[in-house]
């Protein structure tokens, strides 16, 4: 059975209103954990999305 590795990246707006993007990709569980930590830090507009290997998001 083949295992499919899916990469996830995050974008968010920090508490100063600056749009940010993750500099690394995560597995699904780690991405969700990071999103929860950003939410706890009162960041907004948190988006977790799939990414191709080597692809990183840009702040939007």
PDB file of N, CA and C in Angstrom:
ATOM      1  N   UNK A   1       0.841  -1.169   0.000  1.00  0.00           N
ATOM      2  CA  UNK A   1       0.000   0.000   0.000  1.00  0.00           C
ATOM      3  C   UNK A   1       0.895   1.245   0.000  1.00  0.00           C
ATOM      4  N   UNK A   2       0.611   2.159  -0.913  1.00  0.00           N
ATOM      5  CA  UNK A   2       1.390   3.393  -1.015  1.00  0.00           C
ATOM      6  C   UNK A   2       0.902   4.408   0.021  1.00  0.00           C
ATOM      7  N   UNK A   3       1.826   5.142   0.567  1.00  0.00           N
ATOM      8  CA  UNK A   3       1.495   6.198   1.527  1.00  0.00           C
ATOM      9  C   UNK A   3       1.624   7.530   0.807  1.00  0.00           C
ATOM     10  N   UNK A   4       0.585   8.317   0.859  1.00  0.00           N
ATOM     11  CA  UNK A   4       0.606   9.624   0.210  1.00  0.00           C
ATOM     12  C   UNK A   4       0.968  10.679   1.248  1.00  0.00           C
ATOM     13  N   UNK A   5       2.047  11.394   1.003  1.00  0.00           N
ATOM     14  CA  UNK A   5       2.461  12.484   1.880  1.00  0.00           C
ATOM     15  C   UNK A   5       1.853  13.773   1.340  1.00  0.00           C
ATOM     16  N   UNK A   6       1.040  14.407   2.142  1.00  0.00           N
ATOM     17  CA  UNK A   6       0.437  15.677   1.756  1.00  0.00           C
ATOM     18  C   UNK A   6       1.044  16.777   2.601  1.00  0.00           C
ATOM     19  N   UNK A   7       1.474  17.835   1.960  1.00  0.00           N
ATOM     20  CA  UNK A   7       2.062  18.980   2.644  1.00  0.00           C
ATOM     21  C   UNK A   7       1.004  20.059   2.844  1.00  0.00           C
ATOM     22  N   UNK A   8       1.099  20.751   3.964  1.00  0.00           N
ATOM     23  CA  UNK A   8       0.172  21.838   4.278  1.00  0.00           C
ATOM     24  C   UNK A   8       0.962  23.081   4.656  1.00  0.00           C
ATOM     25  N   UNK A   9       0.443  24.237   4.273  1.00  0.00           N
ATOM     26  CA  UNK A   9       1.052  25.524   4.598  1.00  0.00           C
ATOM     27  C   UNK A   9      -0.012  26.412   5.233  1.00  0.00           C
ATOM     28  N   UNK A  10       0.441  27.462   5.907  1.00  0.00           N
ATOM     29  CA  UNK A  10      -0.486  28.363   6.581  1.00  0.00           C
ATOM     30  C   UNK A  10      -0.255  29.802   6.157  1.00  0.00           C
ATOM     31  N   UNK A  11      -1.336  30.558   6.140  1.00  0.00           N
ATOM     32  CA  UNK A  11      -1.267  32.014   6.035  1.00  0.00           C
ATOM     33  C   UNK A  11      -2.139  32.569   7.143  1.00  0.00           C
ATOM     34  N   UNK A  12      -1.787  33.771   7.634  1.00  0.00           N
ATOM     35  CA  UNK A  12      -2.545  34.388   8.713  1.00  0.00           C
ATOM     36  C   UNK A  12      -2.200  35.862   8.804  1.00  0.00           C
ATOM     37  N   UNK A  13      -2.955  36.581   9.609  1.00  0.00           N
ATOM     38  CA  UNK A  13      -2.659  37.977   9.906  1.00  0.00           C
ATOM     39  C   UNK A  13      -2.303  38.051  11.382  1.00  0.00           C
ATOM     40  N   UNK A  14      -1.136  38.633  11.694  1.00  0.00           N
ATOM     41  CA  UNK A  14      -0.717  38.688  13.094  1.00  0.00           C
ATOM     42  C   UNK A  14      -1.452  39.809  13.835  1.00  0.00           C
ATOM     43  N   UNK A  15      -1.171  39.938  15.099  1.00  0.00           N
ATOM     44  CA  UNK A  15      -1.908  40.889  15.947  1.00  0.00           C
ATOM     45  C   UNK A  15      -1.615  42.345  15.597  1.00  0.00           C
ATOM     46  N   UNK A  16      -0.560  42.594  14.825  1.00  0.00           N
ATOM     47  CA  UNK A  16      -0.246  43.955  14.380  1.00  0.00           C
ATOM     48  C   UNK A  16      -0.855  44.265  13.014  1.00  0.00           C
ATOM     49  N   UNK A  17      -1.603  43.295  12.469  1.00  0.00           N
ATOM     50  CA  UNK A  17      -2.228  43.490  11.169  1.00  0.00           C
ATOM     51  C   UNK A  17      -1.342  43.146   9.987  1.00  0.00           C
ATOM     52  N   UNK A  18      -0.187  42.530  10.247  1.00  0.00           N
ATOM     53  CA  UNK A  18       0.745  42.148   9.184  1.00  0.00           C
ATOM     54  C   UNK A  18       0.382  40.755   8.680  1.00  0.00           C
ATOM     55  N   UNK A  19       0.241  40.616   7.367  1.00  0.00           N
ATOM     56  CA  UNK A  19      -0.072  39.316   6.775  1.00  0.00           C
ATOM     57  C   UNK A  19       1.197  38.471   6.754  1.00  0.00           C
ATOM     58  N   UNK A  20       1.057  37.221   7.167  1.00  0.00           N
ATOM     59  CA  UNK A  20       2.204  36.305   7.283  1.00  0.00           C
ATOM     60  C   UNK A  20       1.928  35.015   6.535  1.00  0.00           C
ATOM     61  N   UNK A  21       2.999  34.261   6.260  1.00  0.00           N
ATOM     62  CA  UNK A  21       2.896  32.951   5.629  1.00  0.00           C
ATOM     63  C   UNK A  21       3.954  32.038   6.230  1.00  0.00           C
ATOM     64  N   UNK A  22       3.647  30.756   6.317  1.00  0.00           N
ATOM     65  CA  UNK A  22       4.608  29.813   6.890  1.00  0.00           C
ATOM     66  C   UNK A  22       5.833  29.695   5.983  1.00  0.00           C
ATOM     67  N   UNK A  23       6.973  29.510   6.601  1.00  0.00           N
ATOM     68  CA  UNK A  23       8.238  29.362   5.878  1.00  0.00           C
ATOM     69  C   UNK A  23       8.582  27.892   5.681  1.00  0.00           C
ATOM     70  N   UNK A  24       7.761  27.020   6.234  1.00  0.00           N
ATOM     71  CA  UNK A  24       7.943  25.577   6.109  1.00  0.00           C
ATOM     72  C   UNK A  24       6.592  24.950   5.795  1.00  0.00           C
ATOM     73  N   UNK A  25       6.618  23.723   5.325  1.00  0.00           N
ATOM     74  CA  UNK A  25       5.366  22.985   5.153  1.00  0.00           C
ATOM     75  C   UNK A  25       5.239  21.978   6.287  1.00  0.00           C
ATOM     76  N   UNK A  26       4.008  21.599   6.577  1.00  0.00           N
ATOM     77  CA  UNK A  26       3.697  20.726   7.703  1.00  0.00           C
ATOM     78  C   UNK A  26       2.916  19.510   7.242  1.00  0.00           C
ATOM     79  N   UNK A  27       2.925  18.442   8.057  1.00  0.00           N
ATOM     80  CA  UNK A  27       1.966  17.374   7.841  1.00  0.00           C
ATOM     81  C   UNK A  27       0.633  17.884   8.405  1.00  0.00           C
ATOM     82  N   UNK A  28      -0.446  17.176   8.154  1.00  0.00           N
ATOM     83  CA  UNK A  28      -1.767  17.692   8.520  1.00  0.00           C
ATOM     84  C   UNK A  28      -1.918  17.959  10.017  1.00  0.00           C
ATOM     85  N   UNK A  29      -1.496  17.031  10.846  1.00  0.00           N
ATOM     86  CA  UNK A  29      -1.625  17.204  12.295  1.00  0.00           C
ATOM     87  C   UNK A  29      -0.828  18.394  12.811  1.00  0.00           C
ATOM     88  N   UNK A  30       0.385  18.545  12.310  1.00  0.00           N
ATOM     89  CA  UNK A  30       1.233  19.668  12.733  1.00  0.00           C
ATOM     90  C   UNK A  30       0.669  20.997  12.251  1.00  0.00           C
ATOM     91  N   UNK A  31       0.096  21.008  11.053  1.00  0.00           N
ATOM     92  CA  UNK A  31      -0.499  22.243  10.530  1.00  0.00           C
ATOM     93  C   UNK A  31      -1.698  22.658  11.378  1.00  0.00           C
ATOM     94  N   UNK A  32      -2.520  21.704  11.754  1.00  0.00           N
ATOM     95  CA  UNK A  32      -3.687  22.013  12.599  1.00  0.00           C
ATOM     96  C   UNK A  32      -3.229  22.506  13.977  1.00  0.00           C
ATOM     97  N   UNK A  33      -2.191  21.889  14.509  1.00  0.00           N
ATOM     98  CA  UNK A  33      -1.650  22.316  15.804  1.00  0.00           C
ATOM     99  C   UNK A  33      -1.113  23.744  15.723  1.00  0.00           C
ATOM    100  N   UNK A  34      -0.394  24.049  14.652  1.00  0.00           N
ATOM    101  CA  UNK A  34       0.141  25.402  14.466  1.00  0.00           C
ATOM    102  C   UNK A  34      -0.995  26.414  14.325  1.00  0.00           C
ATOM    103  N   UNK A  35      -2.047  26.045  13.608  1.00  0.00           N
ATOM    104  CA  UNK A  35      -3.200  26.933  13.443  1.00  0.00           C
ATOM    105  C   UNK A  35      -3.860  27.220  14.794  1.00  0.00           C
ATOM    106  N   UNK A  36      -3.967  26.206  15.646  1.00  0.00           N
ATOM    107  CA  UNK A  36      -4.538  26.398  16.987  1.00  0.00           C
ATOM    108  C   UNK A  36      -3.674  27.345  17.817  1.00  0.00           C
ATOM    109  N   UNK A  37      -2.355  27.218  17.701  1.00  0.00           N
ATOM    110  CA  UNK A  37      -1.455  28.100  18.449  1.00  0.00           C
ATOM    111  C   UNK A  37      -1.555  29.542  17.947  1.00  0.00           C
ATOM    112  N   UNK A  38      -1.685  29.713  16.644  1.00  0.00           N
ATOM    113  CA  UNK A  38      -1.857  31.057  16.091  1.00  0.00           C
ATOM    114  C   UNK A  38      -3.177  31.664  16.566  1.00  0.00           C
ATOM    115  N   UNK A  39      -4.223  30.850  16.605  1.00  0.00           N
ATOM    116  CA  UNK A  39      -5.523  31.317  17.087  1.00  0.00           C
ATOM    117  C   UNK A  39      -5.432  31.717  18.561  1.00  0.00           C
ATOM    118  N   UNK A  40      -4.743  30.924  19.358  1.00  0.00           N
ATOM    119  CA  UNK A  40      -4.575  31.234  20.778  1.00  0.00           C
ATOM    120  C   UNK A  40      -3.784  32.525  20.978  1.00  0.00           C
ATOM    121  N   UNK A  41      -2.910  32.842  20.007  1.00  0.00           N
ATOM    122  CA  UNK A  41      -2.123  34.071  20.068  1.00  0.00           C
ATOM    123  C   UNK A  41      -2.897  35.256  19.485  1.00  0.00           C
ATOM    124  N   UNK A  42      -4.173  35.046  19.200  1.00  0.00           N
ATOM    125  CA  UNK A  42      -5.096  36.068  18.691  1.00  0.00           C
ATOM    126  C   UNK A  42      -4.770  36.543  17.277  1.00  0.00           C
ATOM    127  N   UNK A  43      -4.158  35.676  16.482  1.00  0.00           N
ATOM    128  CA  UNK A  43      -3.970  35.972  15.068  1.00  0.00           C
ATOM    129  C   UNK A  43      -5.300  35.727  14.359  1.00  0.00           C
ATOM    130  N   UNK A  44      -5.497  36.350  13.204  1.00  0.00           N
ATOM    131  CA  UNK A  44      -6.753  36.214  12.476  1.00  0.00           C
ATOM    132  C   UNK A  44      -6.496  35.718  11.056  1.00  0.00           C
ATOM    133  N   UNK A  45      -7.574  35.450  10.332  1.00  0.00           N
ATOM    134  CA  UNK A  45      -7.505  35.031   8.923  1.00  0.00           C
ATOM    135  C   UNK A  45      -6.590  33.824   8.735  1.00  0.00           C
ATOM    136  N   UNK A  46      -6.635  32.873   9.643  1.00  0.00           N
ATOM    137  CA  UNK A  46      -5.771  31.689   9.583  1.00  0.00           C
ATOM    138  C   UNK A  46      -6.328  30.720   8.551  1.00  0.00           C
ATOM    139  N   UNK A  47      -5.492  30.382   7.571  1.00  0.00           N
ATOM    140  CA  UNK A  47      -5.900  29.454   6.515  1.00  0.00           C
ATOM    141  C   UNK A  47      -4.856  28.353   6.412  1.00  0.00           C
ATOM    142  N   UNK A  48      -5.322  27.109   6.471  1.00  0.00           N
ATOM    143  CA  UNK A  48      -4.466  25.944   6.253  1.00  0.00           C
ATOM    144  C   UNK A  48      -4.829  25.403   4.877  1.00  0.00           C
ATOM    145  N   UNK A  49      -3.836  25.236   4.004  1.00  0.00           N
ATOM    146  CA  UNK A  49      -4.118  24.736   2.665  1.00  0.00           C
ATOM    147  C   UNK A  49      -3.051  23.737   2.232  1.00  0.00           C
ATOM    148  N   UNK A  50      -3.440  22.868   1.291  1.00  0.00           N
ATOM    149  CA  UNK A  50      -2.501  21.890   0.755  1.00  0.00           C
ATOM    150  C   UNK A  50      -1.494  22.587  -0.149  1.00  0.00           C
ATOM    151  N   UNK A  51      -0.288  22.033  -0.202  1.00  0.00           N
ATOM    152  CA  UNK A  51       0.756  22.575  -1.070  1.00  0.00           C
ATOM    153  C   UNK A  51       1.526  21.429  -1.704  1.00  0.00           C
ATOM    154  N   UNK A  52       2.050  21.680  -2.869  1.00  0.00           N
ATOM    155  CA  UNK A  52       2.908  20.701  -3.529  1.00  0.00           C
ATOM    156  C   UNK A  52       4.272  20.725  -2.840  1.00  0.00           C
ATOM    157  N   UNK A  53       5.029  19.634  -2.904  1.00  0.00           N
ATOM    158  CA  UNK A  53       6.355  19.623  -2.301  1.00  0.00           C
ATOM    159  C   UNK A  53       7.211  20.794  -2.812  1.00  0.00           C
ATOM    160  N   UNK A  54       7.833  21.506  -1.910  1.00  0.00           N
ATOM    161  CA  UNK A  54       8.686  22.632  -2.246  1.00  0.00           C
ATOM    162  C   UNK A  54       7.946  23.934  -2.449  1.00  0.00           C
ATOM    163  N   UNK A  55       6.619  23.899  -2.457  1.00  0.00           N
ATOM    164  CA  UNK A  55       5.819  25.102  -2.669  1.00  0.00           C
ATOM    165  C   UNK A  55       5.514  25.757  -1.324  1.00  0.00           C
ATOM    166  N   UNK A  56       5.753  27.065  -1.228  1.00  0.00           N
ATOM    167  CA  UNK A  56       5.438  27.809  -0.015  1.00  0.00           C
ATOM    168  C   UNK A  56       4.499  28.955  -0.363  1.00  0.00           C
ATOM    169  N   UNK A  57       3.658  29.342   0.586  1.00  0.00           N
ATOM    170  CA  UNK A  57       2.693  30.388   0.296  1.00  0.00           C
ATOM    171  C   UNK A  57       3.302  31.787   0.375  1.00  0.00           C
ATOM    172  N   UNK A  58       2.575  32.758  -0.164  1.00  0.00           N
ATOM    173  CA  UNK A  58       2.955  34.154  -0.002  1.00  0.00           C
ATOM    174  C   UNK A  58       1.840  34.820   0.801  1.00  0.00           C
ATOM    175  N   UNK A  59       2.191  35.753   1.655  1.00  0.00           N
ATOM    176  CA  UNK A  59       1.150  36.445   2.423  1.00  0.00           C
ATOM    177  C   UNK A  59       0.168  37.139   1.493  1.00  0.00           C
ATOM    178  N   UNK A  60      -1.111  37.051   1.810  1.00  0.00           N
ATOM    179  CA  UNK A  60      -2.115  37.644   0.937  1.00  0.00           C
ATOM    180  C   UNK A  60      -2.867  38.678   1.695  1.00  0.00           C
TER     181      UNK A  60
END
